[in-house]
C-alpha atoms as a PDB file:
ATOM      1  CA  UNK A   1     190.560 147.811   6.915  1.00  0.00           C
ATOM      2  CA  UNK A   2     187.704 145.234   6.355  1.00  0.00           C
ATOM      3  CA  UNK A   3     190.504 142.592   5.876  1.00  0.00           C
ATOM      4  CA  UNK A   4     191.834 143.791   9.225  1.00  0.00           C
ATOM      5  CA  UNK A   5     188.581 143.336  11.056  1.00  0.00           C
ATOM      6  CA  UNK A   6     188.295 139.764   9.527  1.00  0.00           C
ATOM      7  CA  UNK A   7     191.258 138.849  11.001  1.00  0.00           C
ATOM      8  CA  UNK A   8     190.910 139.902  14.338  1.00  0.00           C
ATOM      9  CA  UNK A   9     187.407 138.102  14.935  1.00  0.00           C
ATOM     10  CA  UNK A  10     189.014 134.879  13.228  1.00  0.00           C
ATOM     11  CA  UNK A  11     191.541 135.105  15.861  1.00  0.00           C
ATOM     12  CA  UNK A  12     188.865 136.113  18.801  1.00  0.00           C
ATOM     13  CA  UNK A  13     187.011 133.082  17.252  1.00  0.00           C
ATOM     14  CA  UNK A  14     190.042 130.808  17.581  1.00  0.00           C
ATOM     15  CA  UNK A  15     190.936 131.876  20.985  1.00  0.00           C
ATOM     16  CA  UNK A  16     187.342 131.246  22.408  1.00  0.00           C
ATOM     17  CA  UNK A  17     187.225 127.509  20.684  1.00  0.00           C
ATOM     18  CA  UNK A  18     190.539 126.863  22.123  1.00  0.00           C
ATOM     19  CA  UNK A  19     189.456 127.878  25.818  1.00  0.00           C
ATOM     20  CA  UNK A  20     186.449 126.038  25.480  1.00  0.00           C
ATOM     21  CA  UNK A  21     188.408 123.097  23.957  1.00  0.00           C
ATOM     22  CA  UNK A  22     190.995 123.097  26.822  1.00  0.00           C
ATOM     23  CA  UNK A  23     188.230 123.710  29.481  1.00  0.00           C
ATOM     24  CA  UNK A  24     186.245 120.539  27.864  1.00  0.00           C
ATOM     25  CA  UNK A  25     189.551 118.972  28.412  1.00  0.00           C
ATOM     26  CA  UNK A  26     190.350 119.811  31.976  1.00  0.00           C
ATOM     27  CA  UNK A  27     186.455 118.637  32.680  1.00  0.00           C
ATOM     28  CA  UNK A  28     186.807 115.433  31.581  1.00  0.00           C
ATOM     29  CA  UNK A  29     190.174 115.054  33.088  1.00  0.00           C
ATOM     30  CA  UNK A  30     188.900 116.317  36.450  1.00  0.00           C
ATOM     31  CA  UNK A  31     186.058 114.160  35.932  1.00  0.00           C
ATOM     32  CA  UNK A  32     188.037 110.886  35.561  1.00  0.00           C
ATOM     33  CA  UNK A  33     190.119 111.816  37.952  1.00  0.00           C
ATOM     34  CA  UNK A  34     187.231 112.470  40.484  1.00  0.00           C
ATOM     35  CA  UNK A  35     185.842 108.657  39.228  1.00  0.00           C
ATOM     36  CA  UNK A  36     189.308 106.888  39.944  1.00  0.00           C
ATOM     37  CA  UNK A  37     189.545 108.499  43.162  1.00  0.00           C
ATOM     38  CA  UNK A  38     185.699 106.980  44.046  1.00  0.00           C
ATOM     39  CA  UNK A  39     186.673 103.801  42.629  1.00  0.00           C
ATOM     40  CA  UNK A  40     189.838 103.721  44.581  1.00  0.00           C
ATOM     41  CA  UNK A  41     188.093 104.719  47.777  1.00  0.00           C
ATOM     42  CA  UNK A  42     185.288 102.285  47.144  1.00  0.00           C
ATOM     43  CA  UNK A  43     188.121  99.559  46.930  1.00  0.00           C
ATOM     44  CA  UNK A  44     189.851 100.632  50.089  1.00  0.00           C
ATOM     45  CA  UNK A  45     186.619 100.595  51.840  1.00  0.00           C
ATOM     46  CA  UNK A  46     186.307  97.165  50.585  1.00  0.00           C
ATOM     47  CA  UNK A  47     189.371  96.063  51.289  1.00  0.00           C
ATOM     48  CA  UNK A  48     189.164  97.500  55.014  1.00  0.00           C
ATOM     49  CA  UNK A  49     185.898  95.820  55.914  1.00  0.00           C
ATOM     50  CA  UNK A  50     187.354  92.513  54.749  1.00  0.00           C
ATOM     51  CA  UNK A  51     190.084  93.131  56.854  1.00  0.00           C
ATOM     52  CA  UNK A  52     187.779  93.971  59.917  1.00  0.00           C
ATOM     53  CA  UNK A  53     185.582  91.191  59.494  1.00  0.00           C
ATOM     54  CA  UNK A  54     187.411  88.635  61.581  1.00  0.00           C
ATOM     55  CA  UNK A  55     186.839  86.725  64.638  1.00  0.00           C
ATOM     56  CA  UNK A  56     184.630  83.007  65.685  1.00  0.00           C
ATOM     57  CA  UNK A  57     180.999  83.021  65.434  1.00  0.00           C
ATOM     58  CA  UNK A  58     179.252  80.078  66.985  1.00  0.00           C
ATOM     59  CA  UNK A  59     176.274  78.584  65.646  1.00  0.00           C
ATOM     60  CA  UNK A  60     173.985  75.888  67.228  1.00  0.00           C
ATOM     61  CA  UNK A  61     171.054  73.938  66.554  1.00  0.00           C
ATOM     62  CA  UNK A  62     168.828  72.079  64.197  1.00  0.00           C
ATOM     63  CA  UNK A  63     170.299  69.158  62.530  1.00  0.00           C
ATOM     64  CA  UNK A  64     167.991  69.406  59.643  1.00  0.00           C
ATOM     65  CA  UNK A  65     170.121  72.579  58.413  1.00  0.00           C
ATOM     66  CA  UNK A  66     173.050  70.774  58.491  1.00  0.00           C
ATOM     67  CA  UNK A  67     173.981  70.470  54.859  1.00  0.00           C
ATOM     68  CA  UNK A  68     172.784  74.219  53.786  1.00  0.00           C
ATOM     69  CA  UNK A  69     174.572  75.679  56.699  1.00  0.00           C
ATOM     70  CA  UNK A  70     177.507  73.526  56.014  1.00  0.00           C
ATOM     71  CA  UNK A  71     177.521  74.850  52.377  1.00  0.00           C
ATOM     72  CA  UNK A  72     176.957  78.279  53.554  1.00  0.00           C
ATOM     73  CA  UNK A  73     179.691  78.443  56.137  1.00  0.00           C
ATOM     74  CA  UNK A  74     182.469  76.987  53.660  1.00  0.00           C
ATOM     75  CA  UNK A  75     181.395  79.605  50.872  1.00  0.00           C
ATOM     76  CA  UNK A  76     181.317  82.668  53.617  1.00  0.00           C
ATOM     77  CA  UNK A  77     184.642  81.696  55.064  1.00  0.00           C
ATOM     78  CA  UNK A  78     186.487  81.356  51.509  1.00  0.00           C
ATOM     79  CA  UNK A  79     185.147  84.823  51.231  1.00  0.00           C
ATOM     80  CA  UNK A  80     186.325  86.042  54.843  1.00  0.00           C
ATOM     81  CA  UNK A  81     189.631  83.993  55.861  1.00  0.00           C
ATOM     82  CA  UNK A  82     189.844  85.757  58.692  1.00  0.00           C
ATOM     83  CA  UNK A  83     186.319  84.413  60.223  1.00  0.00           C
ATOM     84  CA  UNK A  84     185.842  81.182  61.765  1.00  0.00           C
ATOM     85  CA  UNK A  85     182.096  79.651  62.188  1.00  0.00           C
ATOM     86  CA  UNK A  86     181.701  76.947  64.546  1.00  0.00           C
ATOM     87  CA  UNK A  87     178.414  74.739  63.898  1.00  0.00           C
ATOM     88  CA  UNK A  88     176.883  72.315  66.331  1.00  0.00           C
ATOM     89  CA  UNK A  89     173.764  70.360  65.719  1.00  0.00           C
ATOM     90  CA  UNK A  90     171.902  69.651  68.838  1.00  0.00           C
ATOM     91  CA  UNK A  91     167.955  70.185  67.880  1.00  0.00           C
ATOM     92  CA  UNK A  92     166.162  73.238  66.872  1.00  0.00           C
ATOM     93  CA  UNK A  93     164.961  74.046  71.184  1.00  0.00           C
ATOM     94  CA  UNK A  94     168.516  73.354  72.292  1.00  0.00           C
ATOM     95  CA  UNK A  95     169.853  76.081  69.596  1.00  0.00           C
ATOM     96  CA  UNK A  96     167.465  78.723  70.962  1.00  0.00           C
ATOM     97  CA  UNK A  97     167.709  78.008  74.417  1.00  0.00           C
ATOM     98  CA  UNK A  98     171.721  78.488  73.877  1.00  0.00           C
ATOM     99  CA  UNK A  99     171.021  81.841  72.055  1.00  0.00           C
ATOM    100  CA  UNK A 100     168.942  83.156  75.153  1.00  0.00           C
ATOM    101  CA  UNK A 101     171.867  81.711  77.636  1.00  0.00           C
ATOM    102  CA  UNK A 102     174.800  83.560  75.819  1.00  0.00           C
ATOM    103  CA  UNK A 103     176.303  79.999  74.581  1.00  0.00           C
ATOM    104  CA  UNK A 104     176.258  80.953  71.013  1.00  0.00           C
ATOM    105  CA  UNK A 105     175.969  83.926  69.125  1.00  0.00           C
ATOM    106  CA  UNK A 106     172.940  82.481  66.515  1.00  0.00           C
ATOM    107  CA  UNK A 107     170.844  79.868  67.068  1.00  0.00           C
ATOM    108  CA  UNK A 108     169.363  77.713  64.132  1.00  0.00           C
ATOM    109  CA  UNK A 109     165.799  76.209  64.236  1.00  0.00           C
ATOM    110  CA  UNK A 110     163.732  74.103  61.565  1.00  0.00           C
ATOM    111  CA  UNK A 111     160.664  75.106  63.199  1.00  0.00           C
ATOM    112  CA  UNK A 112     158.838  78.588  64.110  1.00  0.00           C
ATOM    113  CA  UNK A 113     159.907  79.762  67.507  1.00  0.00           C
ATOM    114  CA  UNK A 114     157.297  78.826  70.238  1.00  0.00           C
ATOM    115  CA  UNK A 115     155.474  81.542  71.996  1.00  0.00           C
ATOM    116  CA  UNK A 116     157.251  80.612  75.491  1.00  0.00           C
ATOM    117  CA  UNK A 117     160.513  81.041  73.742  1.00  0.00           C
ATOM    118  CA  UNK A 118     159.633  84.566  72.257  1.00  0.00           C
ATOM    119  CA  UNK A 119     161.018  87.708  73.331  1.00  0.00           C
ATOM    120  CA  UNK A 120     161.113  91.220  72.557  1.00  0.00           C
ATOM    121  CA  UNK A 121     164.740  91.479  71.715  1.00  0.00           C
ATOM    122  CA  UNK A 122     165.067  88.139  70.331  1.00  0.00           C
ATOM    123  CA  UNK A 123     165.477  88.234  66.519  1.00  0.00           C
ATOM    124  CA  UNK A 124     164.367  85.816  63.947  1.00  0.00           C
ATOM    125  CA  UNK A 125     165.560  85.414  60.424  1.00  0.00           C
ATOM    126  CA  UNK A 126     164.265  82.933  58.243  1.00  0.00           C
ATOM    127  CA  UNK A 127     166.521  81.777  55.384  1.00  0.00           C
ATOM    128  CA  UNK A 128     164.463  78.875  53.926  1.00  0.00           C
ATOM    129  CA  UNK A 129     161.795  76.732  53.956  1.00  0.00           C
ATOM    130  CA  UNK A 130     161.575  72.679  53.897  1.00  0.00           C
ATOM    131  CA  UNK A 131     159.732  70.297  53.516  1.00  0.00           C
ATOM    132  CA  UNK A 132     159.613  67.024  55.675  1.00  0.00           C
ATOM    133  CA  UNK A 133     159.255  63.784  54.192  1.00  0.00           C
ATOM    134  CA  UNK A 134     157.783  60.480  55.247  1.00  0.00           C
ATOM    135  CA  UNK A 135     160.166  57.829  54.455  1.00  0.00           C
ATOM    136  CA  UNK A 136     159.774  53.824  54.010  1.00  0.00           C
ATOM    137  CA  UNK A 137     162.297  51.317  53.128  1.00  0.00           C
ATOM    138  CA  UNK A 138     162.620  50.881  49.465  1.00  0.00           C
ATOM    139  CA  UNK A 139     161.322  47.189  49.853  1.00  0.00           C
ATOM    140  CA  UNK A 140     157.915  48.562  51.101  1.00  0.00           C
ATOM    141  CA  UNK A 141     154.917  48.251  48.996  1.00  0.00           C
ATOM    142  CA  UNK A 142     153.241  51.239  50.125  1.00  0.00           C
ATOM    143  CA  UNK A 143     153.508  54.512  48.215  1.00  0.00           C
ATOM    144  CA  UNK A 144     151.342  57.132  49.622  1.00  0.00           C
ATOM    145  CA  UNK A 145     149.806  57.776  52.928  1.00  0.00           C
ATOM    146  CA  UNK A 146     147.636  60.504  54.376  1.00  0.00           C
ATOM    147  CA  UNK A 147     148.269  62.583  57.289  1.00  0.00           C
ATOM    148  CA  UNK A 148     145.513  60.961  59.234  1.00  0.00           C
ATOM    149  CA  UNK A 149     147.584  57.875  58.550  1.00  0.00           C
ATOM    150  CA  UNK A 150     150.459  59.414  59.673  1.00  0.00           C
ATOM    151  CA  UNK A 151     149.044  60.733  63.112  1.00  0.00           C
ATOM    152  CA  UNK A 152     147.508  57.561  63.621  1.00  0.00           C
ATOM    153  CA  UNK A 153     150.670  55.447  62.951  1.00  0.00           C
ATOM    154  CA  UNK A 154     152.627  57.666  65.541  1.00  0.00           C
ATOM    155  CA  UNK A 155     150.214  57.718  67.856  1.00  0.00           C
ATOM    156  CA  UNK A 156     149.920  53.941  68.052  1.00  0.00           C
ATOM    157  CA  UNK A 157     146.303  53.614  66.567  1.00  0.00           C
ATOM    158  CA  UNK A 158     147.743  51.880  63.308  1.00  0.00           C
ATOM    159  CA  UNK A 159     150.401  49.337  64.115  1.00  0.00           C
ATOM    160  CA  UNK A 160     150.243  47.025  61.074  1.00  0.00           C
ATOM    161  CA  UNK A 161     151.339  47.970  57.384  1.00  0.00           C
ATOM    162  CA  UNK A 162     148.160  45.972  56.266  1.00  0.00           C
ATOM    163  CA  UNK A 163     146.019  48.391  57.700  1.00  0.00           C
ATOM    164  CA  UNK A 164     147.028  51.057  55.091  1.00  0.00           C
ATOM    165  CA  UNK A 165     147.385  48.664  51.883  1.00  0.00           C
ATOM    166  CA  UNK A 166     150.946  47.446  52.847  1.00  0.00           C
ATOM    167  CA  UNK A 167     152.189  43.948  54.093  1.00  0.00           C
ATOM    168  CA  UNK A 168     150.954  41.909  56.805  1.00  0.00           C
ATOM    169  CA  UNK A 169     153.850  43.375  59.345  1.00  0.00           C
ATOM    170  CA  UNK A 170     154.278  45.099  62.208  1.00  0.00           C
ATOM    171  CA  UNK A 171     154.999  48.812  61.484  1.00  0.00           C
ATOM    172  CA  UNK A 172     158.579  49.918  63.309  1.00  0.00           C
ATOM    173  CA  UNK A 173     158.306  53.745  64.230  1.00  0.00           C
ATOM    174  CA  UNK A 174     161.272  55.918  64.288  1.00  0.00           C
ATOM    175  CA  UNK A 175     160.981  59.357  65.405  1.00  0.00           C
ATOM    176  CA  UNK A 176     163.256  61.959  66.853  1.00  0.00           C
ATOM    177  CA  UNK A 177     164.279  63.569  69.909  1.00  0.00           C
ATOM    178  CA  UNK A 178     162.141  65.936  71.891  1.00  0.00           C
ATOM    179  CA  UNK A 179     164.143  68.960  70.930  1.00  0.00           C
ATOM    180  CA  UNK A 180     163.994  68.289  67.677  1.00  0.00           C
ATOM    181  CA  UNK A 181     162.281  71.268  65.062  1.00  0.00           C
ATOM    182  CA  UNK A 182     161.759  68.223  62.607  1.00  0.00           C
ATOM    183  CA  UNK A 183     159.735  66.444  65.427  1.00  0.00           C
ATOM    184  CA  UNK A 184     157.867  69.414  66.297  1.00  0.00           C
ATOM    185  CA  UNK A 185     156.873  70.459  62.917  1.00  0.00           C
ATOM    186  CA  UNK A 186     156.001  66.770  62.144  1.00  0.00           C
ATOM    187  CA  UNK A 187     153.993  66.404  65.181  1.00  0.00           C
ATOM    188  CA  UNK A 188     152.126  69.801  64.819  1.00  0.00           C
ATOM    189  CA  UNK A 189     151.466  69.335  61.205  1.00  0.00           C
ATOM    190  CA  UNK A 190     150.319  65.716  61.147  1.00  0.00           C
ATOM    191  CA  UNK A 191     147.825  66.079  64.200  1.00  0.00           C
ATOM    192  CA  UNK A 192     150.165  64.137  66.723  1.00  0.00           C
ATOM    193  CA  UNK A 193     150.421  66.449  69.390  1.00  0.00           C
ATOM    194  CA  UNK A 194     147.084  67.142  69.693  1.00  0.00           C
ATOM    195  CA  UNK A 195     146.217  63.515  69.376  1.00  0.00           C
ATOM    196  CA  UNK A 196     147.832  62.405  72.469  1.00  0.00           C
ATOM    197  CA  UNK A 197     151.735  62.801  71.247  1.00  0.00           C
ATOM    198  CA  UNK A 198     154.171  60.130  70.330  1.00  0.00           C
ATOM    199  CA  UNK A 199     153.603  56.349  71.299  1.00  0.00           C
ATOM    200  CA  UNK A 200     156.265  55.234  73.208  1.00  0.00           C
ATOM    201  CA  UNK A 201     156.445  52.123  71.247  1.00  0.00           C
ATOM    202  CA  UNK A 202     158.482  54.105  68.864  1.00  0.00           C
ATOM    203  CA  UNK A 203     162.297  54.453  68.887  1.00  0.00           C
ATOM    204  CA  UNK A 204     163.609  57.688  68.829  1.00  0.00           C
ATOM    205  CA  UNK A 205     166.944  58.740  67.031  1.00  0.00           C
ATOM    206  CA  UNK A 206     168.891  62.005  67.392  1.00  0.00           C
ATOM    207  CA  UNK A 207     169.256  63.416  64.085  1.00  0.00           C
ATOM    208  CA  UNK A 208     168.003  63.120  60.177  1.00  0.00           C
ATOM    209  CA  UNK A 209     171.198  60.940  59.773  1.00  0.00           C
ATOM    210  CA  UNK A 210     170.369  58.221  62.148  1.00  0.00           C
ATOM    211  CA  UNK A 211     166.504  58.161  60.973  1.00  0.00           C
ATOM    212  CA  UNK A 212     167.495  57.811  57.616  1.00  0.00           C
ATOM    213  CA  UNK A 213     169.695  54.985  58.522  1.00  0.00           C
ATOM    214  CA  UNK A 214     167.321  53.104  60.382  1.00  0.00           C
ATOM    215  CA  UNK A 215     164.597  53.269  57.687  1.00  0.00           C
ATOM    216  CA  UNK A 216     167.450  52.274  55.157  1.00  0.00           C
ATOM    217  CA  UNK A 217     167.781  49.119  57.446  1.00  0.00           C
ATOM    218  CA  UNK A 218     164.755  47.636  58.339  1.00  0.00           C
ATOM    219  CA  UNK A 219     162.003  46.917  55.558  1.00  0.00           C
ATOM    220  CA  UNK A 220     159.001  47.545  57.793  1.00  0.00           C
ATOM    221  CA  UNK A 221     160.386  50.860  59.281  1.00  0.00           C
ATOM    222  CA  UNK A 222     158.996  54.321  59.008  1.00  0.00           C
ATOM    223  CA  UNK A 223     160.376  57.887  59.860  1.00  0.00           C
ATOM    224  CA  UNK A 224     160.581  61.315  58.706  1.00  0.00           C
ATOM    225  CA  UNK A 225     163.543  63.404  57.398  1.00  0.00           C
ATOM    226  CA  UNK A 226     164.174  67.050  55.769  1.00  0.00           C
ATOM    227  CA  UNK A 227     164.289  66.696  52.176  1.00  0.00           C
ATOM    228  CA  UNK A 228     167.913  67.205  51.914  1.00  0.00           C
ATOM    229  CA  UNK A 229     167.849  63.438  53.582  1.00  0.00           C
ATOM    230  CA  UNK A 230     166.104  61.823  50.845  1.00  0.00           C
ATOM    231  CA  UNK A 231     168.606  59.344  48.985  1.00  0.00           C
ATOM    232  CA  UNK A 232     168.226  56.221  46.932  1.00  0.00           C
ATOM    233  CA  UNK A 233     168.511  54.499  50.414  1.00  0.00           C
ATOM    234  CA  UNK A 234     164.794  55.102  51.474  1.00  0.00           C
ATOM    235  CA  UNK A 235     161.554  55.953  49.842  1.00  0.00           C
ATOM    236  CA  UNK A 236     160.071  59.349  50.270  1.00  0.00           C
ATOM    237  CA  UNK A 237     155.837  58.727  50.502  1.00  0.00           C
ATOM    238  CA  UNK A 238     153.465  60.671  48.911  1.00  0.00           C
ATOM    239  CA  UNK A 239     151.314  62.673  51.334  1.00  0.00           C
ATOM    240  CA  UNK A 240     147.740  62.904  50.382  1.00  0.00           C
ATOM    241  CA  UNK A 241     148.732  62.140  46.969  1.00  0.00           C
ATOM    242  CA  UNK A 242     150.938  64.975  46.717  1.00  0.00           C
ATOM    243  CA  UNK A 243     154.775  64.220  46.021  1.00  0.00           C
ATOM    244  CA  UNK A 244     157.254  65.608  48.585  1.00  0.00           C
ATOM    245  CA  UNK A 245     159.278  68.075  46.098  1.00  0.00           C
ATOM    246  CA  UNK A 246     160.526  71.653  47.335  1.00  0.00           C
ATOM    247  CA  UNK A 247     158.525  73.026  44.232  1.00  0.00           C
ATOM    248  CA  UNK A 248     155.081  71.538  45.332  1.00  0.00           C
ATOM    249  CA  UNK A 249     155.933  72.687  49.055  1.00  0.00           C
ATOM    250  CA  UNK A 250     156.457  76.222  47.699  1.00  0.00           C
ATOM    251  CA  UNK A 251     153.258  75.934  45.983  1.00  0.00           C
ATOM    252  CA  UNK A 252     151.348  75.134  49.101  1.00  0.00           C
ATOM    253  CA  UNK A 253     150.266  71.994  47.898  1.00  0.00           C
ATOM    254  CA  UNK A 254     152.704  69.801  50.126  1.00  0.00           C
ATOM    255  CA  UNK A 255     151.661  70.281  53.218  1.00  0.00           C
ATOM    256  CA  UNK A 256     154.526  69.166  55.261  1.00  0.00           C
ATOM    257  CA  UNK A 257     156.521  71.671  55.509  1.00  0.00           C
ATOM    258  CA  UNK A 258     158.304  74.273  57.769  1.00  0.00           C
ATOM    259  CA  UNK A 259     160.865  77.214  58.097  1.00  0.00           C
ATOM    260  CA  UNK A 260     164.203  77.510  58.600  1.00  0.00           C
ATOM    261  CA  UNK A 261     165.217  80.388  60.725  1.00  0.00           C
ATOM    262  CA  UNK A 262     168.000  81.585  62.697  1.00  0.00           C
ATOM    263  CA  UNK A 263     167.554  83.505  66.295  1.00  0.00           C
ATOM    264  CA  UNK A 264     170.158  86.074  67.661  1.00  0.00           C
ATOM    265  CA  UNK A 265     170.236  89.207  69.850  1.00  0.00           C
ATOM    266  CA  UNK A 266     170.879  92.186  67.620  1.00  0.00           C
ATOM    267  CA  UNK A 267     172.654  93.913  70.458  1.00  0.00           C
ATOM    268  CA  UNK A 268     174.889  91.004  70.763  1.00  0.00           C
ATOM    269  CA  UNK A 269     175.865  89.989  67.228  1.00  0.00           C
ATOM    270  CA  UNK A 270     179.006  90.769  66.226  1.00  0.00           C
ATOM    271  CA  UNK A 271     180.214  92.158  62.945  1.00  0.00           C
ATOM    272  CA  UNK A 272     180.955  88.825  61.506  1.00  0.00           C
ATOM    273  CA  UNK A 273     177.873  87.135  62.666  1.00  0.00           C
ATOM    274  CA  UNK A 274     175.661  89.835  61.119  1.00  0.00           C
ATOM    275  CA  UNK A 275     177.792  89.711  57.866  1.00  0.00           C
ATOM    276  CA  UNK A 276     177.026  86.080  58.013  1.00  0.00           C
ATOM    277  CA  UNK A 277     173.213  86.047  58.433  1.00  0.00           C
ATOM    278  CA  UNK A 278     173.372  88.904  55.268  1.00  0.00           C
ATOM    279  CA  UNK A 279     175.055  86.091  53.314  1.00  0.00           C
ATOM    280  CA  UNK A 280     172.907  83.658  53.896  1.00  0.00           C
ATOM    281  CA  UNK A 281     169.937  85.797  52.293  1.00  0.00           C
ATOM    282  CA  UNK A 282     172.261  86.867  49.324  1.00  0.00           C
ATOM    283  CA  UNK A 283     172.025  85.031  46.012  1.00  0.00           C
ATOM    284  CA  UNK A 284     175.035  83.097  46.856  1.00  0.00           C
ATOM    285  CA  UNK A 285     173.485  81.583  50.204  1.00  0.00           C
ATOM    286  CA  UNK A 286     170.300  80.682  48.520  1.00  0.00           C
ATOM    287  CA  UNK A 287     171.944  78.594  46.031  1.00  0.00           C
ATOM    288  CA  UNK A 288     173.656  76.560  48.713  1.00  0.00           C
ATOM    289  CA  UNK A 289     169.380  76.250  49.735  1.00  0.00           C
ATOM    290  CA  UNK A 290     168.710  75.268  46.382  1.00  0.00           C
ATOM    291  CA  UNK A 291     171.587  73.100  46.208  1.00  0.00           C
ATOM    292  CA  UNK A 292     169.994  70.823  49.129  1.00  0.00           C
ATOM    293  CA  UNK A 293     166.342  70.815  47.690  1.00  0.00           C
ATOM    294  CA  UNK A 294     165.041  73.354  50.339  1.00  0.00           C
ATOM    295  CA  UNK A 295     162.992  76.274  49.231  1.00  0.00           C
ATOM    296  CA  UNK A 296     164.610  79.683  48.824  1.00  0.00           C
ATOM    297  CA  UNK A 297     163.083  82.600  50.657  1.00  0.00           C
ATOM    298  CA  UNK A 298     162.186  84.953  47.638  1.00  0.00           C
END
């Protein structure tokens, strides 16, 4: 009798354990199935998003951002082959005006948006910071210059290199066009704007590249360019004793620096345009900033 009871109890236990194991297996199978379904859904969503991202994005504005922006565009369109991004460098002021006139989707500026340009609906997005380098020909003896000396040169108060420790030669001044964000930032930071503005004897070049080329080809020239345009054809001067490097600009020690930013209208932005703006701030986008010696936003 006792044996029969023991057998009955044992059978009952076996059935309970079997049911529990079965239930566990079912639960694991259900969980695995749910996980698989979730991953498939995510994959489908990503695929649908990629397929939906298409069209043309027009960007106009600053030439200072050209190298960074070109790399960003290449990386972004490689990931989104159905998107075309057209970039034209025509100056920061022109880029902002184009945005407000509906000529572009995104404007690129290498300076702060001025009070008279601001609108409540005009969005601004800083994607990098940049330094402005005062450059001379490599043959020039001058190594260091002060902000006041830069102001005095560009307003015409200092006209000979011997006045700041250089050779006895007339200074050939190279500046940028009026719509240039680099020029606006340079003149504001050095005090040229407050001191009466650019001297009429200055040569005006459109774009960082032409300024760089003009200085490289003239031993007595001085100009200013974005950090990304410093190479061995020109010499970047220390300003107030501080080397023109991204690290020192980010630390606030190098004073000739400014923001790179996009301007756009949120209600007029396309999905592709918004996706590009997001990409510019992503880790991949910020690598493009670092690759050209500019300063990341983080």
